[in-house]
C-alpha atoms as a PDB file:
ATOM      1  CA  MET A   1      -4.219  12.478 -26.868  1.00  0.00           C
ATOM      2  CA  SER A   2      -2.256  13.853 -23.941  1.00  0.00           C
ATOM      3  CA  ALA A   3       0.930  12.419 -22.511  1.00  0.00           C
ATOM      4  CA  LEU A   4      -0.908  11.704 -19.274  1.00  0.00           C
ATOM      5  CA  SER A   5      -3.461   9.577 -21.119  1.00  0.00           C
ATOM      6  CA  LEU A   6      -0.692   7.618 -22.811  1.00  0.00           C
ATOM      7  CA  VAL A   7       1.067   6.983 -19.511  1.00  0.00           C
ATOM      8  CA  ALA A   8      -2.184   5.922 -17.840  1.00  0.00           C
ATOM      9  CA  GLY A   9      -2.909   3.543 -20.707  1.00  0.00           C
ATOM     10  CA  ALA A  10       0.580   2.068 -20.548  1.00  0.00           C
ATOM     11  CA  VAL A  11       0.281   1.557 -16.794  1.00  0.00           C
ATOM     12  CA  ALA A  12      -3.085  -0.164 -17.225  1.00  0.00           C
ATOM     13  CA  ILE A  13      -1.623  -2.503 -19.848  1.00  0.00           C
ATOM     14  CA  LEU A  14       1.371  -3.325 -17.645  1.00  0.00           C
ATOM     15  CA  LEU A  15      -0.888  -4.072 -14.681  1.00  0.00           C
ATOM     16  CA  ALA A  16      -3.022  -6.372 -16.818  1.00  0.00           C
ATOM     17  CA  ILE A  17       0.077  -8.228 -18.039  1.00  0.00           C
ATOM     18  CA  LEU A  18       1.344  -8.562 -14.469  1.00  0.00           C
ATOM     19  CA  LEU A  19      -1.996  -9.928 -13.283  1.00  0.00           C
ATOM     20  CA  ILE A  20      -2.051 -12.506 -16.081  1.00  0.00           C
ATOM     21  CA  ALA A  21       1.536 -13.554 -15.350  1.00  0.00           C
ATOM     22  CA  LEU A  22       0.819 -13.983 -11.642  1.00  0.00           C
ATOM     23  CA  THR A  23      -2.275 -16.050 -12.398  1.00  0.00           C
ATOM     24  CA  ILE A  24      -0.296 -18.348 -14.690  1.00  0.00           C
ATOM     25  CA  LYS A  25       2.471 -18.708 -12.090  1.00  0.00           C
ATOM     26  CA  ARG A  26       0.007 -19.618  -9.353  1.00  0.00           C
ATOM     27  CA  ARG A  27      -1.698 -22.235 -11.521  1.00  0.00           C
ATOM     28  CA  ARG A  28       1.660 -23.843 -12.282  1.00  0.00           C
ATOM     29  CA  GLU A  29       2.519 -23.967  -8.586  1.00  0.00           C
ATOM     30  CA  GLU A  30      -0.849 -25.538  -7.774  1.00  0.00           C
ATOM     31  CA  LYS A  31      -0.341 -28.202 -10.443  1.00  0.00           C
ATOM     32  CA  LEU A  32       3.053 -29.034  -8.950  1.00  0.00           C
ATOM     33  CA  LEU A  33       1.481 -29.525  -5.527  1.00  0.00           C
ATOM     34  CA  GLU A  34      -1.169 -31.785  -7.038  1.00  0.00           C
ATOM     35  CA  LYS A  35       1.570 -34.123  -8.267  1.00  0.00           C
ATOM     36  CA  GLU A  36       3.334 -34.437  -4.918  1.00  0.00           C
ATOM     37  CA  PRO A  37       2.635 -37.531  -2.833  1.00  0.00           C
ATOM     38  CA  VAL A  38       0.776 -36.954   0.430  1.00  0.00           C
ATOM     39  CA  GLU A  39       3.880 -38.004   2.365  1.00  0.00           C
ATOM     40  CA  ALA A  40       5.873 -35.228   0.713  1.00  0.00           C
ATOM     41  CA  LEU A  41       3.135 -32.730   1.513  1.00  0.00           C
ATOM     42  CA  GLU A  42       3.098 -33.850   5.150  1.00  0.00           C
ATOM     43  CA  LEU A  43       6.874 -33.430   5.310  1.00  0.00           C
ATOM     44  CA  ARG A  44       6.630 -29.991   3.751  1.00  0.00           C
ATOM     45  CA  LYS A  45       3.966 -29.065   6.314  1.00  0.00           C
ATOM     46  CA  ARG A  46       6.235 -30.126   9.194  1.00  0.00           C
ATOM     47  CA  LEU A  47       9.198 -28.251   7.734  1.00  0.00           C
ATOM     48  CA  LEU A  48       7.171 -25.082   7.288  1.00  0.00           C
ATOM     49  CA  THR A  49       5.782 -25.340  10.819  1.00  0.00           C
ATOM     50  CA  ASP A  50       9.276 -25.802  12.232  1.00  0.00           C
ATOM     51  CA  ALA A  51      10.586 -22.931  10.124  1.00  0.00           C
ATOM     52  CA  LEU A  52       7.852 -20.629  11.416  1.00  0.00           C
ATOM     53  CA  LYS A  53       8.633 -21.574  15.021  1.00  0.00           C
ATOM     54  CA  THR A  54      12.358 -21.026  14.518  1.00  0.00           C
ATOM     55  CA  LEU A  55      11.713 -17.733  12.779  1.00  0.00           C
ATOM     56  CA  GLU A  56       9.573 -16.568  15.694  1.00  0.00           C
ATOM     57  CA  ILE A  57      12.252 -17.519  18.228  1.00  0.00           C
ATOM     58  CA  GLU A  58      15.017 -15.807  16.283  1.00  0.00           C
ATOM     59  CA  HIS A  59      12.895 -12.691  15.876  1.00  0.00           C
ATOM     60  CA  GLU A  60      12.191 -12.578  19.609  1.00  0.00           C
ATOM     61  CA  LYS A  61      15.955 -12.749  20.214  1.00  0.00           C
ATOM     62  CA  LYS A  62      16.297  -9.717  17.906  1.00  0.00           C
ATOM     63  CA  LYS A  63      18.409 -11.701  15.439  1.00  0.00           C
ATOM     64  CA  ILE A  64      16.055 -10.905  12.554  1.00  0.00           C
ATOM     65  CA  PRO A  65      14.917  -7.359  11.740  1.00  0.00           C
ATOM     66  CA  ASP A  66      11.168  -6.716  11.727  1.00  0.00           C
ATOM     67  CA  ALA A  67      10.914  -6.109   7.983  1.00  0.00           C
ATOM     68  CA  TYR A  68      12.660  -9.361   7.100  1.00  0.00           C
ATOM     69  CA  TYR A  69      10.703 -11.228   9.734  1.00  0.00           C
ATOM     70  CA  ARG A  70       7.349 -10.099   8.343  1.00  0.00           C
ATOM     71  CA  SER A  71       8.353 -10.863   4.786  1.00  0.00           C
ATOM     72  CA  ILE A  72       9.665 -14.342   5.556  1.00  0.00           C
ATOM     73  CA  LYS A  73       6.769 -15.120   7.881  1.00  0.00           C
ATOM     74  CA  ASP A  74       4.238 -14.098   5.232  1.00  0.00           C
ATOM     75  CA  TYR A  75       5.923 -16.323   2.658  1.00  0.00           C
ATOM     76  CA  PHE A  76       6.040 -19.344   4.986  1.00  0.00           C
ATOM     77  CA  LYS A  77       2.427 -18.851   6.050  1.00  0.00           C
ATOM     78  CA  LYS A  78       1.179 -18.599   2.471  1.00  0.00           C
ATOM     79  CA  GLU A  79       3.114 -21.700   1.518  1.00  0.00           C
ATOM     80  CA  ALA A  80       1.805 -23.580   4.561  1.00  0.00           C
ATOM     81  CA  ILE A  81      -1.764 -22.625   3.679  1.00  0.00           C
ATOM     82  CA  ARG A  82      -1.297 -23.926   0.135  1.00  0.00           C
ATOM     83  CA  VAL A  83       0.092 -27.212   1.433  1.00  0.00           C
ATOM     84  CA  LEU A  84      -2.654 -27.625   4.035  1.00  0.00           C
ATOM     85  CA  ARG A  85      -5.344 -26.951   1.441  1.00  0.00           C
ATOM     86  CA  GLU A  86      -3.873 -29.581  -0.846  1.00  0.00           C
ATOM     87  CA  ILE A  87      -3.707 -32.110   1.990  1.00  0.00           C
ATOM     88  CA  ASP A  88      -7.324 -31.359   2.936  1.00  0.00           C
ATOM     89  CA  ARG A  89      -8.419 -31.599  -0.690  1.00  0.00           C
ATOM     90  CA  ARG A  90      -7.126 -35.159  -0.850  1.00  0.00           C
ATOM     91  CA  LYS A  91      -8.947 -36.355   2.264  1.00  0.00           C
END
């Protein structure tokens, strides 16, 4: 067996472990949202919406570099989507 084959196998195993870990993490986060009262979810939605608006304003004023802006915006948007889905699921 060549060294390249061993490295490729190790990388494949690490990727599989990472995928499993991310799946477990996401399921835990979803279970936490399921336990939150609707009022808390609505508050979280408002806070995320306000944070996105503020982020946009600060970015337009050049107070936040593009790379940070995209990263933070992506995080807030993903979180907002999760919250909105949970709110919709309960209706």
